[in-house]
C-alpha atoms as a PDB file:
ATOM      1  CA  MET A   1      10.042 -20.745  17.499  1.00  0.00           C
ATOM      2  CA  GLY A   2      12.998 -23.072  17.197  1.00  0.00           C
ATOM      3  CA  SER A   3      14.854 -23.648  13.987  1.00  0.00           C
ATOM      4  CA  ILE A   4      12.813 -24.820  11.061  1.00  0.00           C
ATOM      5  CA  ASP A   5      13.387 -27.921   8.977  1.00  0.00           C
ATOM      6  CA  ARG A   6      13.934 -26.524   5.471  1.00  0.00           C
ATOM      7  CA  VAL A   7      13.395 -29.899   3.839  1.00  0.00           C
ATOM      8  CA  LYS A   8       9.971 -30.348   5.456  1.00  0.00           C
ATOM      9  CA  LEU A   9       9.116 -26.710   4.810  1.00  0.00           C
ATOM     10  CA  ASP A  10       9.883 -27.135   1.109  1.00  0.00           C
ATOM     11  CA  VAL A  11       7.893 -30.393   0.930  1.00  0.00           C
ATOM     12  CA  VAL A  12       4.810 -28.805   2.505  1.00  0.00           C
ATOM     13  CA  VAL A  13       5.008 -25.642   0.405  1.00  0.00           C
ATOM     14  CA  LYS A  14       5.425 -27.568  -2.867  1.00  0.00           C
ATOM     15  CA  ALA A  15       2.535 -29.852  -1.903  1.00  0.00           C
ATOM     16  CA  CYS A  16       0.292 -26.855  -1.212  1.00  0.00           C
ATOM     17  CA  ARG A  17       1.152 -25.437  -4.618  1.00  0.00           C
ATOM     18  CA  ARG A  18       0.446 -28.750  -6.372  1.00  0.00           C
ATOM     19  CA  GLY A  19      -2.882 -29.097  -4.597  1.00  0.00           C
ATOM     20  CA  LEU A  20      -4.061 -25.603  -5.469  1.00  0.00           C
ATOM     21  CA  GLU A  21      -3.009 -26.063  -9.101  1.00  0.00           C
ATOM     22  CA  THR A  22      -5.592 -28.845  -9.389  1.00  0.00           C
ATOM     23  CA  LEU A  23      -8.357 -26.255  -8.940  1.00  0.00           C
ATOM     24  CA  SER A  24      -7.203 -23.904 -11.719  1.00  0.00           C
ATOM     25  CA  ASP A  25      -9.923 -25.135 -14.089  1.00  0.00           C
ATOM     26  CA  THR A  26     -12.652 -25.636 -11.482  1.00  0.00           C
ATOM     27  CA  ALA A  27     -15.704 -23.480 -12.099  1.00  0.00           C
ATOM     28  CA  GLY A  28     -16.881 -21.699  -8.969  1.00  0.00           C
ATOM     29  CA  SER A  29     -13.591 -22.091  -7.123  1.00  0.00           C
ATOM     30  CA  ALA A  30     -11.723 -19.060  -5.825  1.00  0.00           C
ATOM     31  CA  PHE A  31      -8.680 -20.819  -7.290  1.00  0.00           C
ATOM     32  CA  LYS A  32      -9.980 -20.893 -10.868  1.00  0.00           C
ATOM     33  CA  GLN A  33      -7.108 -19.576 -13.013  1.00  0.00           C
ATOM     34  CA  PHE A  34      -4.649 -20.191 -10.153  1.00  0.00           C
ATOM     35  CA  PRO A  35      -2.203 -18.612  -9.456  1.00  0.00           C
ATOM     36  CA  THR A  36      -3.718 -15.441 -10.940  1.00  0.00           C
ATOM     37  CA  GLY A  37      -5.563 -13.410  -8.337  1.00  0.00           C
ATOM     38  CA  ALA A  38      -5.176 -16.025  -5.612  1.00  0.00           C
ATOM     39  CA  CYS A  39      -2.171 -14.771  -3.670  1.00  0.00           C
ATOM     40  CA  GLY A  40      -4.073 -13.723  -0.543  1.00  0.00           C
ATOM     41  CA  ILE A  41      -6.150 -16.841  -0.050  1.00  0.00           C
ATOM     42  CA  ALA A  42      -3.290 -19.121  -1.087  1.00  0.00           C
ATOM     43  CA  SER A  43      -0.974 -17.447   1.437  1.00  0.00           C
ATOM     44  CA  ASP A  44      -3.551 -17.880   4.199  1.00  0.00           C
ATOM     45  CA  ILE A  45      -3.931 -21.564   3.369  1.00  0.00           C
ATOM     46  CA  VAL A  46      -0.156 -22.065   3.294  1.00  0.00           C
ATOM     47  CA  GLY A  47       0.112 -20.346   6.674  1.00  0.00           C
ATOM     48  CA  ARG A  48      -2.607 -22.520   8.170  1.00  0.00           C
ATOM     49  CA  ILE A  49      -1.124 -25.754   6.856  1.00  0.00           C
ATOM     50  CA  LEU A  50       2.400 -24.821   7.985  1.00  0.00           C
ATOM     51  CA  TRP A  51       0.974 -24.343  11.477  1.00  0.00           C
ATOM     52  CA  GLU A  52      -1.125 -27.521  11.464  1.00  0.00           C
ATOM     53  CA  ALA A  53       1.514 -29.753   9.836  1.00  0.00           C
ATOM     54  CA  LEU A  54       4.786 -28.408  11.228  1.00  0.00           C
ATOM     55  CA  GLY A  55       3.844 -26.055  14.074  1.00  0.00           C
ATOM     56  CA  TYR A  56       5.428 -23.095  12.266  1.00  0.00           C
ATOM     57  CA  GLU A  57       3.991 -19.694  13.066  1.00  0.00           C
ATOM     58  CA  GLY A  58       4.386 -16.903  10.604  1.00  0.00           C
ATOM     59  CA  VAL A  59       3.331 -13.550   9.252  1.00  0.00           C
ATOM     60  CA  TYR A  60       0.900 -12.788   6.433  1.00  0.00           C
ATOM     61  CA  VAL A  61       2.170  -9.945   4.239  1.00  0.00           C
ATOM     62  CA  CYS A  62       0.207  -7.866   1.733  1.00  0.00           C
ATOM     63  CA  ALA A  63       2.341  -5.433  -0.261  1.00  0.00           C
ATOM     64  CA  THR A  64       1.672  -2.623  -2.723  1.00  0.00           C
ATOM     65  CA  GLY A  65       3.609  -0.144  -4.805  1.00  0.00           C
ATOM     66  CA  HIS A  66       5.847  -2.407  -6.864  1.00  0.00           C
ATOM     67  CA  PRO A  67       7.385  -0.631  -9.890  1.00  0.00           C
ATOM     68  CA  LEU A  68       6.877  -3.664 -12.153  1.00  0.00           C
ATOM     69  CA  LEU A  69       3.167  -4.042 -11.309  1.00  0.00           C
ATOM     70  CA  SER A  70       0.205  -1.873 -12.195  1.00  0.00           C
ATOM     71  CA  GLN A  71      -0.449   1.086  -9.920  1.00  0.00           C
ATOM     72  CA  ASN A  72      -3.271  -0.509  -7.904  1.00  0.00           C
ATOM     73  CA  ALA A  73      -1.844  -4.035  -7.834  1.00  0.00           C
ATOM     74  CA  SER A  74      -1.092  -5.787  -4.580  1.00  0.00           C
ATOM     75  CA  HIS A  75       0.560  -9.078  -3.778  1.00  0.00           C
ATOM     76  CA  ALA A  76       0.518 -11.308  -0.711  1.00  0.00           C
ATOM     77  CA  TRP A  77       2.774 -14.002   0.708  1.00  0.00           C
ATOM     78  CA  PHE A  78       3.515 -15.714   4.015  1.00  0.00           C
ATOM     79  CA  GLU A  79       6.743 -15.476   6.004  1.00  0.00           C
ATOM     80  CA  VAL A  80       8.177 -18.026   8.417  1.00  0.00           C
ATOM     81  CA  ASP A  81      11.399 -17.622  10.357  1.00  0.00           C
ATOM     82  CA  GLY A  82      12.627 -14.854   8.072  1.00  0.00           C
ATOM     83  CA  LEU A  83      11.813 -16.732   4.856  1.00  0.00           C
ATOM     84  CA  ILE A  84       9.322 -15.601   2.227  1.00  0.00           C
ATOM     85  CA  ILE A  85       6.901 -18.289   1.076  1.00  0.00           C
ATOM     86  CA  ASP A  86       5.203 -17.286  -2.142  1.00  0.00           C
ATOM     87  CA  ILE A  87       3.409 -19.918  -4.206  1.00  0.00           C
ATOM     88  CA  THR A  88       1.785 -17.408  -6.572  1.00  0.00           C
ATOM     89  CA  HIS A  89       4.641 -15.128  -7.691  1.00  0.00           C
ATOM     90  CA  ASP A  90       4.537 -16.701 -11.139  1.00  0.00           C
ATOM     91  CA  GLN A  91       1.307 -14.854 -11.914  1.00  0.00           C
ATOM     92  CA  PHE A  92       3.593 -11.872 -12.596  1.00  0.00           C
ATOM     93  CA  HIS A  93       6.113 -11.597 -15.413  1.00  0.00           C
ATOM     94  CA  GLY A  94       9.700 -10.590 -14.727  1.00  0.00           C
ATOM     95  CA  THR A  95      10.054 -11.695 -11.098  1.00  0.00           C
ATOM     96  CA  GLU A  96      13.139 -13.764 -11.994  1.00  0.00           C
ATOM     97  CA  LEU A  97      12.201 -16.067  -9.101  1.00  0.00           C
ATOM     98  CA  ASN A  98      12.431 -19.851  -9.119  1.00  0.00           C
ATOM     99  CA  GLY A  99      10.839 -22.060  -6.498  1.00  0.00           C
ATOM    100  CA  TRP A 100       8.493 -21.047  -3.710  1.00  0.00           C
ATOM    101  CA  VAL A 101      10.705 -20.175  -0.695  1.00  0.00           C
ATOM    102  CA  PHE A 102      12.986 -17.119  -0.738  1.00  0.00           C
ATOM    103  CA  ALA A 103      15.325 -15.045   1.388  1.00  0.00           C
ATOM    104  CA  PRO A 104      13.902 -11.622   2.303  1.00  0.00           C
ATOM    105  CA  GLU A 105      16.638  -9.848   0.378  1.00  0.00           C
ATOM    106  CA  ASP A 106      15.571 -11.449  -2.919  1.00  0.00           C
ATOM    107  CA  GLY A 107      15.295  -8.414  -5.153  1.00  0.00           C
ATOM    108  CA  TRP A 108      11.684  -8.605  -6.298  1.00  0.00           C
ATOM    109  CA  TYR A 109      10.284  -8.342  -2.749  1.00  0.00           C
ATOM    110  CA  THR A 110      12.501  -5.425  -1.741  1.00  0.00           C
ATOM    111  CA  LEU A 111      10.909  -3.252  -4.447  1.00  0.00           C
ATOM    112  CA  PHE A 112       7.474  -3.057  -2.798  1.00  0.00           C
ATOM    113  CA  GLU A 113       6.902   0.410  -1.303  1.00  0.00           C
ATOM    114  CA  GLU A 114       4.391  -0.608   1.380  1.00  0.00           C
ATOM    115  CA  GLN A 115       3.809  -3.777   3.368  1.00  0.00           C
ATOM    116  CA  GLU A 116       0.946  -4.569   5.706  1.00  0.00           C
ATOM    117  CA  ARG A 117       1.838  -7.393   8.067  1.00  0.00           C
ATOM    118  CA  ARG A 118      -0.276  -9.433  10.454  1.00  0.00           C
ATOM    119  CA  ASP A 119       0.620 -12.350  12.647  1.00  0.00           C
ATOM    120  CA  GLY A 120      -0.543 -15.752  11.478  1.00  0.00           C
ATOM    121  CA  TYR A 121      -3.270 -16.727   9.091  1.00  0.00           C
ATOM    122  CA  SER A 122      -6.993 -15.961   9.195  1.00  0.00           C
ATOM    123  CA  PRO A 123      -8.802 -18.970  10.694  1.00  0.00           C
ATOM    124  CA  PRO A 124     -11.958 -20.241   8.982  1.00  0.00           C
ATOM    125  CA  CYS A 125     -14.226 -18.569  11.549  1.00  0.00           C
ATOM    126  CA  GLU A 126     -12.997 -15.153  10.349  1.00  0.00           C
ATOM    127  CA  TRP A 127     -14.018 -15.737   6.725  1.00  0.00           C
ATOM    128  CA  LEU A 128     -17.447 -15.054   5.262  1.00  0.00           C
ATOM    129  CA  ILE A 129     -16.905 -18.046   2.962  1.00  0.00           C
ATOM    130  CA  TYR A 130     -13.790 -20.115   3.668  1.00  0.00           C
ATOM    131  CA  PRO A 131     -12.021 -21.512   0.562  1.00  0.00           C
ATOM    132  CA  SER A 132     -12.261 -25.054   1.903  1.00  0.00           C
ATOM    133  CA  ASP A 133     -11.752 -26.605  -1.527  1.00  0.00           C
ATOM    134  CA  GLY A 134      -8.250 -25.125  -1.607  1.00  0.00           C
ATOM    135  CA  TYR A 135      -7.508 -26.117   1.973  1.00  0.00           C
ATOM    136  CA  ASP A 136      -8.691 -29.682   1.312  1.00  0.00           C
ATOM    137  CA  VAL A 137      -6.638 -30.254  -1.853  1.00  0.00           C
ATOM    138  CA  ALA A 138      -3.537 -28.690  -0.291  1.00  0.00           C
ATOM    139  CA  CYS A 139      -3.919 -30.872   2.828  1.00  0.00           C
ATOM    140  CA  ASN A 140      -4.380 -33.977   0.706  1.00  0.00           C
ATOM    141  CA  GLU A 141      -1.145 -33.241  -1.154  1.00  0.00           C
ATOM    142  CA  VAL A 142       0.742 -32.682   2.112  1.00  0.00           C
ATOM    143  CA  VAL A 143      -0.605 -35.942   3.567  1.00  0.00           C
ATOM    144  CA  ALA A 144       0.397 -37.738   0.349  1.00  0.00           C
ATOM    145  CA  GLN A 145       3.975 -36.692   1.183  1.00  0.00           C
ATOM    146  CA  GLY A 146       3.743 -38.516   4.528  1.00  0.00           C
ATOM    147  CA  ILE A 147       3.233 -35.426   6.689  1.00  0.00           C
ATOM    148  CA  THR A 148       0.304 -35.357   9.094  1.00  0.00           C
ATOM    149  CA  VAL A 149      -1.910 -32.280   9.098  1.00  0.00           C
ATOM    150  CA  ALA A 150      -3.691 -31.873  12.422  1.00  0.00           C
ATOM    151  CA  ASP A 151      -6.754 -29.643  12.055  1.00  0.00           C
ATOM    152  CA  LEU A 152      -6.237 -27.439  15.083  1.00  0.00           C
ATOM    153  CA  GLN A 153      -8.898 -24.890  14.181  1.00  0.00           C
ATOM    154  CA  SER A 154     -12.426 -24.949  15.434  1.00  0.00           C
ATOM    155  CA  TYR A 155     -14.945 -23.694  12.947  1.00  0.00           C
END
């Protein structure tokens, strides 16, 4: 992948966050109480939209064993071109993070003992029930910023 446009990356990531926040009080949504408990599905949606809007491929990361989290807690984020994109870190206290895009050496992420990594996001056909409400509101926010989202996935 060529170099990324940090300005567009930030615009898309912030728009995804804003969109998903609108579902935090929606009964029946996987995003009810967002960002709490939504890191995995939010990261997959961010990864999909970054691909469809900007053509950026990335890596989905699920990590465990953080000393500031409970023993069985995990956390997920998406990485693009060496940058960590995490729109749900604020569900945890004490991260000392601001914003949604970080360098990999940002302290909080280096403390995880284990990381499982997989290329890309999980397309809708791989989900039992795809969180389309989250995808739709995130896409709408991205489009509102003047960025086209081309649905490249076949269901």
